[in-house]
Amino acid sequence: MTNYSFSAWADNADVVSRAYSGTGALKTDFTRTGKRTKAGALADLSNSITRYFRNNFADGPRQDAYDLFLGNYLPSANNISSTLLFVDRRPIVVQSVPYILYAALFFEFATFVLPRQGEGTSGQLTMRVFVLFWLAVALWAAMFLKEYGMLYVSWPKLNVPAHAAEGYNDALNRAKKDVIVGKWIDHIPAGGHHSRGESLGGGNLRLMHLEEGKKRIE
């Protein structure tokens, strides 16, 4: 085969890969040239990191679109119990943790980058307390995201994998027992009104939709 044929094959791999993974194909440097290069290895590393974030945090709508386009999900044949199927119904505390992490990292970065006027002993102590406080907040938020990562995966909402419903339910129940924020996740205000993300049965609306998807598969 000529070099043009190899390039055409690699270009085709890139197009197909972008459709299902969001990045070009891996090891296309070998396909094009017959050998691995440092530039190709770095490109593969970048693509792999990008895939990880996209597949975990942005892949749900893509899969829903595929299911609709391919006919794997037919709106006319499936009863959706709520018009708010695609609305994020997680507890507001769970939704806020990534933003708390971003804010903490921003304050840490700003502390070391922004210029400061001359400070006395009192000012230095205050700054150290400020830095340590936001460092602790950042570490807590990062640990929360790691421990309850299933709550932040972008699952498809039309044809929901069975393990998604089970994993989400397990992570949510464990998060309700968290020492710091668990009481707010499981809190129902006075008057019987449920907090955002809570259904009348005490569960989570998003979980209810996941369970619907599981039943449709079965």
N, C-alpha and C. Protein backbone atom coordinates (compact mmCIF):
# COMPACT_ATOMS: atom_id res chain seq x y z
N MET A 1 0.84 -1.19 0.00
CA MET A 1 0.00 0.00 0.00
C MET A 1 0.87 1.24 0.00
N THR A 2 0.42 2.31 -0.63
CA THR A 2 1.18 3.55 -0.69
C THR A 2 0.95 4.36 0.58
N ASN A 3 1.79 5.40 0.73
CA ASN A 3 1.64 6.28 1.88
C ASN A 3 0.29 6.98 1.87
N TYR A 4 -0.23 7.26 0.65
CA TYR A 4 -1.54 7.88 0.54
C TYR A 4 -2.62 6.97 1.11
N SER A 5 -2.48 5.67 0.87
CA SER A 5 -3.47 4.71 1.40
C SER A 5 -3.42 4.68 2.92
N PHE A 6 -2.18 4.67 3.47
CA PHE A 6 -2.05 4.67 4.93
C PHE A 6 -2.66 5.94 5.52
N SER A 7 -2.41 7.08 4.89
CA SER A 7 -2.95 8.35 5.39
C SER A 7 -4.47 8.36 5.33
N ALA A 8 -5.03 7.82 4.22
CA ALA A 8 -6.48 7.76 4.09
C ALA A 8 -7.08 6.88 5.19
N TRP A 9 -6.40 5.76 5.48
CA TRP A 9 -6.88 4.86 6.52
C TRP A 9 -6.84 5.54 7.89
N ALA A 10 -5.77 6.28 8.16
CA ALA A 10 -5.63 6.99 9.44
C ALA A 10 -6.65 8.12 9.54
N ASP A 11 -6.88 8.83 8.44
CA ASP A 11 -7.88 9.91 8.44
C ASP A 11 -9.27 9.35 8.72
N ASN A 12 -9.57 8.19 8.12
CA ASN A 12 -10.86 7.55 8.37
C ASN A 12 -10.99 7.16 9.84
N ALA A 13 -9.91 6.64 10.43
CA ALA A 13 -9.93 6.27 11.85
C ALA A 13 -10.18 7.49 12.73
N ASP A 14 -9.58 8.62 12.37
CA ASP A 14 -9.79 9.85 13.14
C ASP A 14 -11.25 10.29 13.09
N VAL A 15 -11.85 10.23 11.90
CA VAL A 15 -13.24 10.67 11.75
C VAL A 15 -14.18 9.78 12.56
N VAL A 16 -13.99 8.47 12.46
CA VAL A 16 -14.85 7.54 13.20
C VAL A 16 -14.65 7.70 14.71
N SER A 17 -13.39 7.85 15.12
CA SER A 17 -13.10 7.98 16.54
C SER A 17 -13.71 9.26 17.13
N ARG A 18 -13.66 10.36 16.39
CA ARG A 18 -14.24 11.61 16.88
C ARG A 18 -15.75 11.47 17.08
N ALA A 19 -16.38 10.64 16.26
CA ALA A 19 -17.83 10.47 16.36
C ALA A 19 -18.23 9.78 17.65
N TYR A 20 -17.45 8.78 18.08
CA TYR A 20 -17.87 8.02 19.26
C TYR A 20 -17.08 8.34 20.52
N SER A 21 -15.89 8.94 20.39
CA SER A 21 -15.10 9.22 21.59
C SER A 21 -14.79 10.70 21.79
N GLY A 22 -14.98 11.51 20.76
CA GLY A 22 -14.72 12.94 20.89
C GLY A 22 -13.30 13.36 20.57
N THR A 23 -12.42 12.39 20.25
CA THR A 23 -11.04 12.72 19.87
C THR A 23 -10.63 11.88 18.66
N GLY A 24 -9.50 12.21 18.10
CA GLY A 24 -8.97 11.40 17.02
C GLY A 24 -8.54 10.03 17.51
N ALA A 25 -8.26 9.13 16.58
CA ALA A 25 -7.86 7.77 16.95
C ALA A 25 -6.46 7.77 17.56
N LEU A 26 -6.16 6.70 18.29
CA LEU A 26 -4.84 6.54 18.91
C LEU A 26 -3.89 5.83 17.94
N LYS A 27 -2.61 6.09 18.10
CA LYS A 27 -1.53 5.45 17.35
C LYS A 27 -1.63 5.65 15.84
N THR A 28 -2.20 6.79 15.43
CA THR A 28 -2.26 7.06 14.00
C THR A 28 -0.88 7.41 13.43
N ASP A 29 0.06 7.79 14.28
CA ASP A 29 1.41 8.03 13.78
C ASP A 29 2.02 6.73 13.25
N PHE A 30 1.72 5.61 13.91
CA PHE A 30 2.21 4.32 13.44
C PHE A 30 1.51 3.91 12.14
N THR A 31 0.21 4.22 12.06
CA THR A 31 -0.53 3.90 10.84
C THR A 31 0.00 4.69 9.65
N ARG A 32 0.36 5.92 9.87
CA ARG A 32 0.81 6.78 8.78
C ARG A 32 2.27 6.50 8.37
N THR A 33 3.12 6.26 9.38
CA THR A 33 4.56 6.17 9.09
C THR A 33 5.16 4.79 9.32
N GLY A 34 4.43 3.92 10.02
CA GLY A 34 4.97 2.60 10.31
C GLY A 34 5.87 2.56 11.53
N LYS A 35 5.94 3.67 12.29
CA LYS A 35 6.75 3.68 13.50
C LYS A 35 6.15 4.68 14.50
N ARG A 36 6.42 4.41 15.77
CA ARG A 36 5.94 5.29 16.82
C ARG A 36 6.87 6.47 16.98
N THR A 37 6.30 7.63 17.24
CA THR A 37 7.08 8.85 17.43
C THR A 37 6.73 9.49 18.77
N LYS A 38 7.63 10.35 19.26
CA LYS A 38 7.36 11.05 20.51
C LYS A 38 6.15 11.96 20.38
N ALA A 39 6.03 12.62 19.23
CA ALA A 39 4.88 13.50 19.00
C ALA A 39 3.58 12.69 19.01
N GLY A 40 3.64 11.49 18.41
CA GLY A 40 2.46 10.63 18.41
C GLY A 40 2.09 10.15 19.79
N ALA A 41 3.09 9.83 20.62
CA ALA A 41 2.83 9.39 21.99
C ALA A 41 2.21 10.51 22.82
N LEU A 42 2.70 11.75 22.64
CA LEU A 42 2.13 12.89 23.35
C LEU A 42 0.69 13.15 22.90
N ALA A 43 0.45 12.99 21.59
CA ALA A 43 -0.91 13.17 21.07
C ALA A 43 -1.85 12.12 21.65
N ASP A 44 -1.36 10.88 21.78
CA ASP A 44 -2.18 9.82 22.37
C ASP A 44 -2.48 10.11 23.84
N LEU A 45 -1.49 10.63 24.56
CA LEU A 45 -1.71 10.99 25.96
C LEU A 45 -2.79 12.07 26.08
N SER A 46 -2.69 13.09 25.24
CA SER A 46 -3.68 14.16 25.24
C SER A 46 -5.07 13.63 24.90
N ASN A 47 -5.14 12.76 23.89
CA ASN A 47 -6.43 12.19 23.49
C ASN A 47 -7.01 11.32 24.60
N SER A 48 -6.16 10.55 25.28
CA SER A 48 -6.64 9.67 26.34
C SER A 48 -7.21 10.47 27.51
N ILE A 49 -6.52 11.56 27.91
CA ILE A 49 -7.01 12.40 29.00
C ILE A 49 -8.33 13.07 28.60
N THR A 50 -8.39 13.56 27.36
CA THR A 50 -9.61 14.19 26.87
C THR A 50 -10.77 13.20 26.86
N ARG A 51 -10.50 11.98 26.41
CA ARG A 51 -11.55 10.95 26.39
C ARG A 51 -12.07 10.66 27.79
N TYR A 52 -11.16 10.59 28.75
CA TYR A 52 -11.57 10.28 30.12
C TYR A 52 -12.59 11.30 30.62
N PHE A 53 -12.29 12.58 30.44
CA PHE A 53 -13.19 13.62 30.93
C PHE A 53 -14.48 13.67 30.11
N ARG A 54 -14.37 13.57 28.80
CA ARG A 54 -15.58 13.62 27.98
C ARG A 54 -16.48 12.42 28.20
N ASN A 55 -15.89 11.23 28.29
CA ASN A 55 -16.68 10.02 28.46
C ASN A 55 -17.36 9.96 29.82
N ASN A 56 -16.76 10.60 30.82
CA ASN A 56 -17.36 10.57 32.16
C ASN A 56 -18.30 11.73 32.42
N PHE A 57 -17.99 12.91 31.88
CA PHE A 57 -18.73 14.10 32.26
C PHE A 57 -19.51 14.76 31.13
N ALA A 58 -19.44 14.23 29.92
CA ALA A 58 -20.16 14.88 28.81
C ALA A 58 -20.70 13.89 27.79
N ASP A 59 -20.72 12.60 28.12
CA ASP A 59 -21.07 11.60 27.12
C ASP A 59 -22.55 11.24 27.10
N GLY A 60 -23.29 11.57 28.17
CA GLY A 60 -24.69 11.20 28.24
C GLY A 60 -25.52 11.72 27.08
N PRO A 61 -25.51 13.04 26.82
CA PRO A 61 -26.28 13.57 25.69
C PRO A 61 -25.86 12.98 24.35
N ARG A 62 -24.58 12.68 24.18
CA ARG A 62 -24.12 12.07 22.93
C ARG A 62 -24.76 10.70 22.73
N GLN A 63 -24.78 9.89 23.80
CA GLN A 63 -25.38 8.56 23.71
C GLN A 63 -26.89 8.66 23.49
N ASP A 64 -27.53 9.62 24.14
CA ASP A 64 -28.97 9.81 23.92
C ASP A 64 -29.25 10.15 22.45
N ALA A 65 -28.39 10.98 21.87
CA ALA A 65 -28.57 11.35 20.46
C ALA A 65 -28.40 10.13 19.56
N TYR A 66 -27.40 9.29 19.86
CA TYR A 66 -27.20 8.06 19.07
C TYR A 66 -28.41 7.14 19.18
N ASP A 67 -28.93 6.99 20.41
CA ASP A 67 -30.07 6.10 20.60
C ASP A 67 -31.29 6.58 19.84
N LEU A 68 -31.51 7.89 19.80
CA LEU A 68 -32.62 8.43 19.03
C LEU A 68 -32.40 8.26 17.52
N PHE A 69 -31.18 8.56 17.07
CA PHE A 69 -30.87 8.50 15.64
C PHE A 69 -30.94 7.07 15.11
N LEU A 70 -30.47 6.11 15.90
CA LEU A 70 -30.43 4.71 15.46
C LEU A 70 -31.72 3.96 15.75
N GLY A 71 -32.65 4.60 16.43
CA GLY A 71 -33.91 3.94 16.73
C GLY A 71 -33.85 3.01 17.92
N ASN A 72 -32.78 3.09 18.72
CA ASN A 72 -32.70 2.27 19.92
C ASN A 72 -33.66 2.75 21.00
N TYR A 73 -34.08 4.00 20.86
CA TYR A 73 -35.09 4.55 21.76
C TYR A 73 -36.17 5.21 20.91
N LEU A 74 -37.41 4.78 21.08
CA LEU A 74 -38.53 5.33 20.33
C LEU A 74 -39.46 6.07 21.29
N PRO A 75 -39.55 7.39 21.21
CA PRO A 75 -40.42 8.14 22.13
C PRO A 75 -41.86 7.65 22.09
N SER A 76 -42.32 7.24 20.92
CA SER A 76 -43.72 6.81 20.81
C SER A 76 -43.99 5.49 21.53
N ALA A 77 -42.94 4.72 21.75
CA ALA A 77 -43.12 3.40 22.37
C ALA A 77 -42.71 3.38 23.84
N ASN A 78 -42.27 4.52 24.36
CA ASN A 78 -41.82 4.57 25.75
C ASN A 78 -42.57 5.67 26.49
N ASN A 79 -43.05 5.33 27.65
CA ASN A 79 -43.76 6.30 28.47
C ASN A 79 -42.79 6.99 29.42
N ILE A 80 -42.63 8.29 29.27
CA ILE A 80 -41.77 9.07 30.15
C ILE A 80 -42.66 9.74 31.19
N SER A 81 -42.39 9.48 32.44
CA SER A 81 -43.29 9.93 33.50
C SER A 81 -43.16 11.42 33.80
N SER A 82 -42.12 12.06 33.30
CA SER A 82 -41.91 13.47 33.61
C SER A 82 -41.33 14.20 32.41
N THR A 83 -41.80 15.42 32.20
CA THR A 83 -41.24 16.24 31.14
C THR A 83 -39.89 16.82 31.55
N LEU A 84 -39.52 16.64 32.81
CA LEU A 84 -38.25 17.16 33.33
C LEU A 84 -37.17 16.09 33.33
N LEU A 85 -37.27 15.15 32.38
CA LEU A 85 -36.34 14.03 32.34
C LEU A 85 -34.89 14.48 32.25
N PHE A 86 -34.64 15.53 31.48
CA PHE A 86 -33.27 15.97 31.22
C PHE A 86 -32.81 17.07 32.18
N VAL A 87 -33.62 17.40 33.16
CA VAL A 87 -33.23 18.41 34.15
C VAL A 87 -32.40 17.74 35.25
N ASP A 88 -31.35 18.41 35.66
CA ASP A 88 -30.49 17.88 36.71
C ASP A 88 -31.22 17.95 38.04
N ARG A 89 -31.57 16.79 38.60
CA ARG A 89 -32.33 16.73 39.84
C ARG A 89 -31.53 16.22 41.03
N ARG A 90 -30.23 16.27 40.91
CA ARG A 90 -29.41 15.90 42.06
C ARG A 90 -29.58 16.93 43.18
N PRO A 91 -29.39 16.55 44.43
CA PRO A 91 -29.45 17.53 45.52
C PRO A 91 -28.50 18.69 45.24
N ILE A 92 -28.91 19.88 45.61
CA ILE A 92 -28.14 21.08 45.29
C ILE A 92 -26.75 21.04 45.90
N VAL A 93 -26.61 20.39 47.08
CA VAL A 93 -25.30 20.27 47.71
C VAL A 93 -24.36 19.45 46.84
N VAL A 94 -24.87 18.36 46.27
CA VAL A 94 -24.06 17.52 45.40
C VAL A 94 -23.63 18.30 44.16
N GLN A 95 -24.56 19.05 43.58
CA GLN A 95 -24.23 19.84 42.40
C GLN A 95 -23.18 20.90 42.67
N SER A 96 -23.16 21.43 43.88
CA SER A 96 -22.30 22.57 44.19
C SER A 96 -20.85 22.20 44.47
N VAL A 97 -20.56 20.92 44.79
CA VAL A 97 -19.20 20.55 45.19
C VAL A 97 -18.15 20.88 44.13
N PRO A 98 -18.37 20.57 42.83
CA PRO A 98 -17.34 20.95 41.84
C PRO A 98 -17.07 22.46 41.81
N TYR A 99 -18.11 23.27 41.99
CA TYR A 99 -17.92 24.72 41.98
C TYR A 99 -17.19 25.19 43.23
N ILE A 100 -17.43 24.50 44.34
CA ILE A 100 -16.66 24.81 45.56
C ILE A 100 -15.18 24.53 45.33
N LEU A 101 -14.89 23.42 44.66
CA LEU A 101 -13.49 23.08 44.36
C LEU A 101 -12.87 24.13 43.45
N TYR A 102 -13.60 24.55 42.39
CA TYR A 102 -13.08 25.58 41.49
C TYR A 102 -12.80 26.88 42.25
N ALA A 103 -13.73 27.26 43.13
CA ALA A 103 -13.55 28.51 43.89
C ALA A 103 -12.34 28.42 44.81
N ALA A 104 -12.18 27.28 45.47
CA ALA A 104 -11.04 27.11 46.39
C ALA A 104 -9.72 27.19 45.63
N LEU A 105 -9.65 26.52 44.48
CA LEU A 105 -8.43 26.57 43.69
C LEU A 105 -8.16 27.98 43.17
N PHE A 106 -9.23 28.70 42.82
CA PHE A 106 -9.06 30.08 42.35
C PHE A 106 -8.48 30.96 43.45
N PHE A 107 -9.02 30.84 44.66
CA PHE A 107 -8.52 31.65 45.77
C PHE A 107 -7.07 31.30 46.10
N GLU A 108 -6.74 30.02 46.04
CA GLU A 108 -5.36 29.61 46.29
C GLU A 108 -4.42 30.22 45.24
N PHE A 109 -4.85 30.14 43.97
CA PHE A 109 -4.03 30.69 42.89
C PHE A 109 -3.89 32.20 43.03
N ALA A 110 -5.01 32.88 43.34
CA ALA A 110 -4.98 34.33 43.46
C ALA A 110 -4.08 34.78 44.61
N THR A 111 -4.04 34.00 45.67
CA THR A 111 -3.21 34.37 46.83
C THR A 111 -1.74 34.47 46.46
N PHE A 112 -1.28 33.57 45.59
CA PHE A 112 0.14 33.54 45.24
C PHE A 112 0.48 34.42 44.03
N VAL A 113 -0.55 34.82 43.27
CA VAL A 113 -0.29 35.56 42.04
C VAL A 113 -0.53 37.06 42.19
N LEU A 114 -1.63 37.42 42.84
CA LEU A 114 -1.98 38.84 42.93
C LEU A 114 -0.99 39.59 43.82
N PRO A 115 -0.65 40.83 43.46
CA PRO A 115 0.30 41.61 44.28
C PRO A 115 -0.31 41.99 45.62
N ARG A 116 0.55 42.10 46.65
CA ARG A 116 0.09 42.47 47.98
C ARG A 116 0.94 43.62 48.50
N GLN A 117 0.28 44.44 49.32
CA GLN A 117 0.99 45.54 49.96
C GLN A 117 1.82 44.99 51.12
N GLY A 118 2.70 45.80 51.66
CA GLY A 118 3.50 45.37 52.79
C GLY A 118 2.62 44.93 53.95
N GLU A 119 2.93 43.81 54.56
CA GLU A 119 2.11 43.25 55.62
C GLU A 119 2.93 43.11 56.90
N GLY A 120 2.25 43.33 58.01
CA GLY A 120 2.88 43.10 59.30
C GLY A 120 2.67 41.66 59.73
N THR A 121 3.02 41.40 60.98
CA THR A 121 2.86 40.04 61.50
C THR A 121 1.41 39.59 61.48
N SER A 122 0.51 40.51 61.84
CA SER A 122 -0.92 40.18 61.87
C SER A 122 -1.43 39.85 60.46
N GLY A 123 -0.99 40.64 59.48
CA GLY A 123 -1.42 40.41 58.11
C GLY A 123 -0.92 39.08 57.57
N GLN A 124 0.31 38.73 57.88
CA GLN A 124 0.87 37.45 57.43
C GLN A 124 0.13 36.28 58.05
N LEU A 125 -0.22 36.41 59.32
CA LEU A 125 -0.97 35.35 59.99
C LEU A 125 -2.34 35.17 59.35
N THR A 126 -3.00 36.29 59.06
CA THR A 126 -4.32 36.23 58.41
C THR A 126 -4.23 35.57 57.05
N MET A 127 -3.19 35.90 56.30
CA MET A 127 -3.01 35.31 54.98
C MET A 127 -2.76 33.82 55.06
N ARG A 128 -1.99 33.40 56.03
CA ARG A 128 -1.72 31.97 56.20
C ARG A 128 -2.99 31.21 56.55
N VAL A 129 -3.79 31.79 57.42
CA VAL A 129 -5.06 31.16 57.78
C VAL A 129 -5.96 31.06 56.54
N PHE A 130 -5.98 32.12 55.74
CA PHE A 130 -6.78 32.15 54.52
C PHE A 130 -6.33 31.04 53.56
N VAL A 131 -5.02 30.92 53.37
CA VAL A 131 -4.49 29.91 52.46
C VAL A 131 -4.80 28.50 52.96
N LEU A 132 -4.59 28.26 54.26
CA LEU A 132 -4.84 26.94 54.82
C LEU A 132 -6.32 26.58 54.77
N PHE A 133 -7.19 27.56 54.99
CA PHE A 133 -8.62 27.30 54.95
C PHE A 133 -9.05 26.84 53.57
N TRP A 134 -8.66 27.57 52.54
CA TRP A 134 -9.09 27.22 51.19
C TRP A 134 -8.38 25.97 50.68
N LEU A 135 -7.19 25.69 51.19
CA LEU A 135 -6.53 24.44 50.86
C LEU A 135 -7.31 23.26 51.44
N ALA A 136 -7.76 23.41 52.67
CA ALA A 136 -8.57 22.36 53.29
C ALA A 136 -9.88 22.16 52.55
N VAL A 137 -10.51 23.26 52.13
CA VAL A 137 -11.76 23.16 51.37
C VAL A 137 -11.53 22.44 50.04
N ALA A 138 -10.44 22.78 49.36
CA ALA A 138 -10.12 22.15 48.08
C ALA A 138 -9.88 20.66 48.24
N LEU A 139 -9.14 20.28 49.29
CA LEU A 139 -8.86 18.86 49.53
C LEU A 139 -10.14 18.10 49.85
N TRP A 140 -11.02 18.71 50.66
CA TRP A 140 -12.28 18.05 50.99
C TRP A 140 -13.13 17.85 49.74
N ALA A 141 -13.25 18.90 48.91
CA ALA A 141 -14.06 18.80 47.70
C ALA A 141 -13.51 17.75 46.74
N ALA A 142 -12.18 17.71 46.60
CA ALA A 142 -11.57 16.72 45.72
C ALA A 142 -11.83 15.30 46.23
N MET A 143 -11.73 15.11 47.54
CA MET A 143 -11.99 13.79 48.12
C MET A 143 -13.45 13.40 47.98
N PHE A 144 -14.35 14.36 48.09
CA PHE A 144 -15.78 14.09 47.92
C PHE A 144 -16.07 13.64 46.49
N LEU A 145 -15.48 14.33 45.52
CA LEU A 145 -15.68 13.97 44.12
C LEU A 145 -15.13 12.57 43.83
N LYS A 146 -14.01 12.25 44.44
CA LYS A 146 -13.42 10.93 44.23
C LYS A 146 -14.26 9.84 44.87
N GLU A 147 -14.72 10.10 46.09
CA GLU A 147 -15.48 9.09 46.84
C GLU A 147 -16.85 8.82 46.23
N TYR A 148 -17.51 9.88 45.75
CA TYR A 148 -18.87 9.75 45.22
C TYR A 148 -18.92 10.10 43.73
N GLY A 149 -17.91 9.64 43.02
CA GLY A 149 -17.78 9.99 41.60
C GLY A 149 -18.96 9.55 40.75
N MET A 150 -19.67 8.48 41.16
CA MET A 150 -20.81 8.01 40.37
C MET A 150 -21.91 9.06 40.26
N LEU A 151 -21.95 10.00 41.21
CA LEU A 151 -22.96 11.05 41.18
C LEU A 151 -22.67 12.09 40.11
N TYR A 152 -21.46 12.07 39.56
CA TYR A 152 -21.06 13.10 38.60
C TYR A 152 -20.84 12.56 37.19
N VAL A 153 -21.12 11.28 37.00
CA VAL A 153 -20.99 10.70 35.66
C VAL A 153 -22.18 11.14 34.82
N SER A 154 -21.91 11.51 33.58
CA SER A 154 -22.98 11.92 32.66
C SER A 154 -23.58 10.69 32.00
N TRP A 155 -24.55 10.05 32.69
CA TRP A 155 -25.18 8.85 32.14
C TRP A 155 -26.20 9.22 31.08
N PRO A 156 -26.41 8.36 30.08
CA PRO A 156 -27.54 8.57 29.15
C PRO A 156 -28.84 8.47 29.91
N LYS A 157 -29.84 9.24 29.54
CA LYS A 157 -31.09 9.27 30.28
C LYS A 157 -32.23 8.54 29.57
N LEU A 158 -32.01 8.11 28.34
CA LEU A 158 -33.06 7.40 27.63
C LEU A 158 -32.94 5.89 27.82
N ASN A 159 -31.83 5.32 27.39
CA ASN A 159 -31.54 3.91 27.65
C ASN A 159 -30.45 3.84 28.71
N VAL A 160 -30.86 3.77 29.95
CA VAL A 160 -29.92 3.85 31.06
C VAL A 160 -29.35 2.47 31.38
N PRO A 161 -28.03 2.32 31.45
CA PRO A 161 -27.44 1.03 31.84
C PRO A 161 -27.89 0.64 33.25
N ALA A 162 -28.10 -0.65 33.45
CA ALA A 162 -28.56 -1.11 34.76
C ALA A 162 -27.56 -0.78 35.85
N HIS A 163 -26.26 -0.91 35.55
CA HIS A 163 -25.25 -0.63 36.58
C HIS A 163 -25.22 0.85 36.94
N ALA A 164 -25.72 1.72 36.03
CA ALA A 164 -25.74 3.15 36.34
C ALA A 164 -26.73 3.45 37.46
N ALA A 165 -27.93 2.86 37.36
CA ALA A 165 -28.93 3.06 38.40
C ALA A 165 -28.45 2.53 39.74
N GLU A 166 -27.86 1.34 39.72
CA GLU A 166 -27.39 0.74 40.97
C GLU A 166 -26.23 1.53 41.57
N GLY A 167 -25.29 1.94 40.72
CA GLY A 167 -24.14 2.70 41.21
C GLY A 167 -24.53 4.07 41.73
N TYR A 168 -25.45 4.73 41.04
CA TYR A 168 -25.90 6.05 41.47
C TYR A 168 -26.62 5.96 42.80
N ASN A 169 -27.48 4.96 42.93
CA ASN A 169 -28.23 4.77 44.17
C ASN A 169 -27.28 4.51 45.34
N ASP A 170 -26.29 3.67 45.12
CA ASP A 170 -25.32 3.36 46.17
C ASP A 170 -24.53 4.60 46.57
N ALA A 171 -24.06 5.37 45.58
CA ALA A 171 -23.27 6.57 45.88
C ALA A 171 -24.11 7.61 46.61
N LEU A 172 -25.37 7.77 46.22
CA LEU A 172 -26.23 8.75 46.87
C LEU A 172 -26.50 8.37 48.32
N ASN A 173 -26.75 7.09 48.57
CA ASN A 173 -26.99 6.64 49.94
C ASN A 173 -25.75 6.83 50.82
N ARG A 174 -24.57 6.59 50.25
CA ARG A 174 -23.34 6.80 51.02
C ARG A 174 -23.10 8.28 51.27
N ALA A 175 -23.43 9.12 50.27
CA ALA A 175 -23.24 10.56 50.42
C ALA A 175 -24.15 11.12 51.51
N LYS A 176 -25.33 10.53 51.68
CA LYS A 176 -26.24 10.99 52.73
C LYS A 176 -25.67 10.75 54.13
N LYS A 177 -24.69 9.85 54.22
CA LYS A 177 -24.06 9.56 55.51
C LYS A 177 -22.76 10.32 55.69
N ASP A 178 -22.42 11.20 54.73
CA ASP A 178 -21.19 11.97 54.83
C ASP A 178 -21.22 12.85 56.07
N VAL A 179 -20.12 12.90 56.80
CA VAL A 179 -20.06 13.62 58.08
C VAL A 179 -20.31 15.11 57.90
N ILE A 180 -19.82 15.70 56.81
CA ILE A 180 -19.87 17.15 56.65
C ILE A 180 -21.17 17.61 56.00
N VAL A 181 -21.57 17.02 54.87
CA VAL A 181 -22.72 17.52 54.12
C VAL A 181 -23.89 16.54 54.06
N GLY A 182 -23.74 15.37 54.66
CA GLY A 182 -24.79 14.36 54.57
C GLY A 182 -26.14 14.84 55.06
N LYS A 183 -26.15 15.62 56.13
CA LYS A 183 -27.42 16.06 56.71
C LYS A 183 -28.16 17.01 55.76
N TRP A 184 -27.44 17.73 54.90
CA TRP A 184 -28.10 18.62 53.93
C TRP A 184 -28.58 17.85 52.71
N ILE A 185 -27.88 16.78 52.36
CA ILE A 185 -28.31 15.98 51.22
C ILE A 185 -29.63 15.27 51.54
N ASP A 186 -29.78 14.82 52.76
CA ASP A 186 -30.95 14.03 53.15
C ASP A 186 -31.99 14.87 53.88
N HIS A 187 -31.85 16.19 53.82
CA HIS A 187 -32.72 17.07 54.60
C HIS A 187 -34.01 17.37 53.86
N ILE A 188 -35.14 17.31 54.57
CA ILE A 188 -36.44 17.73 54.04
C ILE A 188 -36.93 18.89 54.88
N PRO A 189 -37.09 20.08 54.29
CA PRO A 189 -37.47 21.26 55.07
C PRO A 189 -38.83 21.09 55.74
N ALA A 190 -39.08 21.92 56.75
CA ALA A 190 -40.36 21.89 57.45
C ALA A 190 -41.50 22.24 56.49
N GLY A 191 -42.67 21.66 56.73
CA GLY A 191 -43.80 21.93 55.86
C GLY A 191 -44.01 20.87 54.83
N GLY A 192 -43.07 19.87 54.77
CA GLY A 192 -43.27 18.76 53.86
C GLY A 192 -42.75 19.00 52.47
N HIS A 193 -42.20 20.18 52.19
CA HIS A 193 -41.66 20.46 50.87
C HIS A 193 -40.29 19.84 50.75
N HIS A 194 -40.04 19.14 49.66
CA HIS A 194 -38.78 18.44 49.50
C HIS A 194 -37.75 19.36 48.88
N SER A 195 -36.52 19.15 49.28
CA SER A 195 -35.43 19.94 48.70
C SER A 195 -35.25 19.57 47.25
N ARG A 196 -34.59 20.44 46.50
CA ARG A 196 -34.34 20.20 45.10
C ARG A 196 -33.64 18.86 44.93
N GLY A 197 -34.20 18.02 44.05
CA GLY A 197 -33.59 16.73 43.81
C GLY A 197 -34.28 15.62 44.57
N GLU A 198 -35.28 15.91 45.41
CA GLU A 198 -35.93 14.88 46.19
C GLU A 198 -37.31 14.60 45.61
N SER A 199 -37.69 13.34 45.52
CA SER A 199 -39.02 12.97 45.06
C SER A 199 -39.93 12.78 46.26
N LEU A 200 -41.22 12.57 46.02
CA LEU A 200 -42.17 12.42 47.11
C LEU A 200 -41.87 11.19 47.94
N GLY A 201 -41.23 10.20 47.36
CA GLY A 201 -40.93 8.99 48.10
C GLY A 201 -39.64 9.08 48.89
N GLY A 202 -39.01 10.26 48.91
CA GLY A 202 -37.77 10.42 49.64
C GLY A 202 -36.56 10.07 48.81
N GLY A 203 -36.78 9.61 47.56
CA GLY A 203 -35.67 9.28 46.68
C GLY A 203 -35.29 10.47 45.84
N ASN A 204 -34.58 10.21 44.77
CA ASN A 204 -34.10 11.27 43.91
C ASN A 204 -34.74 11.13 42.54
N LEU A 205 -35.22 12.24 41.98
CA LEU A 205 -35.89 12.16 40.68
C LEU A 205 -34.98 11.63 39.60
N ARG A 206 -33.70 12.05 39.67
CA ARG A 206 -32.79 11.55 38.67
C ARG A 206 -32.64 10.03 38.79
N LEU A 207 -32.62 9.54 40.03
CA LEU A 207 -32.55 8.10 40.25
C LEU A 207 -33.79 7.43 39.70
N MET A 208 -34.95 8.07 39.84
CA MET A 208 -36.18 7.51 39.32
C MET A 208 -36.10 7.33 37.82
N HIS A 209 -35.52 8.31 37.14
CA HIS A 209 -35.36 8.20 35.70
C HIS A 209 -34.38 7.10 35.34
N LEU A 210 -33.32 6.95 36.14
CA LEU A 210 -32.38 5.87 35.91
C LEU A 210 -33.07 4.52 36.05
N GLU A 211 -33.93 4.40 37.05
CA GLU A 211 -34.65 3.16 37.25
C GLU A 211 -35.60 2.89 36.09
N GLU A 212 -36.22 3.96 35.54
CA GLU A 212 -37.10 3.79 34.38
C GLU A 212 -36.32 3.22 33.21
N GLY A 213 -35.12 3.75 33.00
CA GLY A 213 -34.29 3.26 31.91
C GLY A 213 -33.92 1.81 32.11
N LYS A 214 -33.62 1.45 33.36
CA LYS A 214 -33.28 0.06 33.66
C LYS A 214 -34.46 -0.86 33.34
N LYS A 215 -35.66 -0.47 33.71
CA LYS A 215 -36.85 -1.28 33.45
C LYS A 215 -37.10 -1.42 31.94
N ARG A 216 -36.84 -0.33 31.20
CA ARG A 216 -37.06 -0.39 29.75
C ARG A 216 -36.11 -1.42 29.12
N ILE A 217 -34.87 -1.45 29.62
CA ILE A 217 -33.89 -2.43 29.08
C ILE A 217 -34.34 -3.85 29.39
N GLU A 218 -34.81 -4.06 30.65
CA GLU A 218 -35.24 -5.40 31.04
C GLU A 218 -36.49 -5.84 30.30
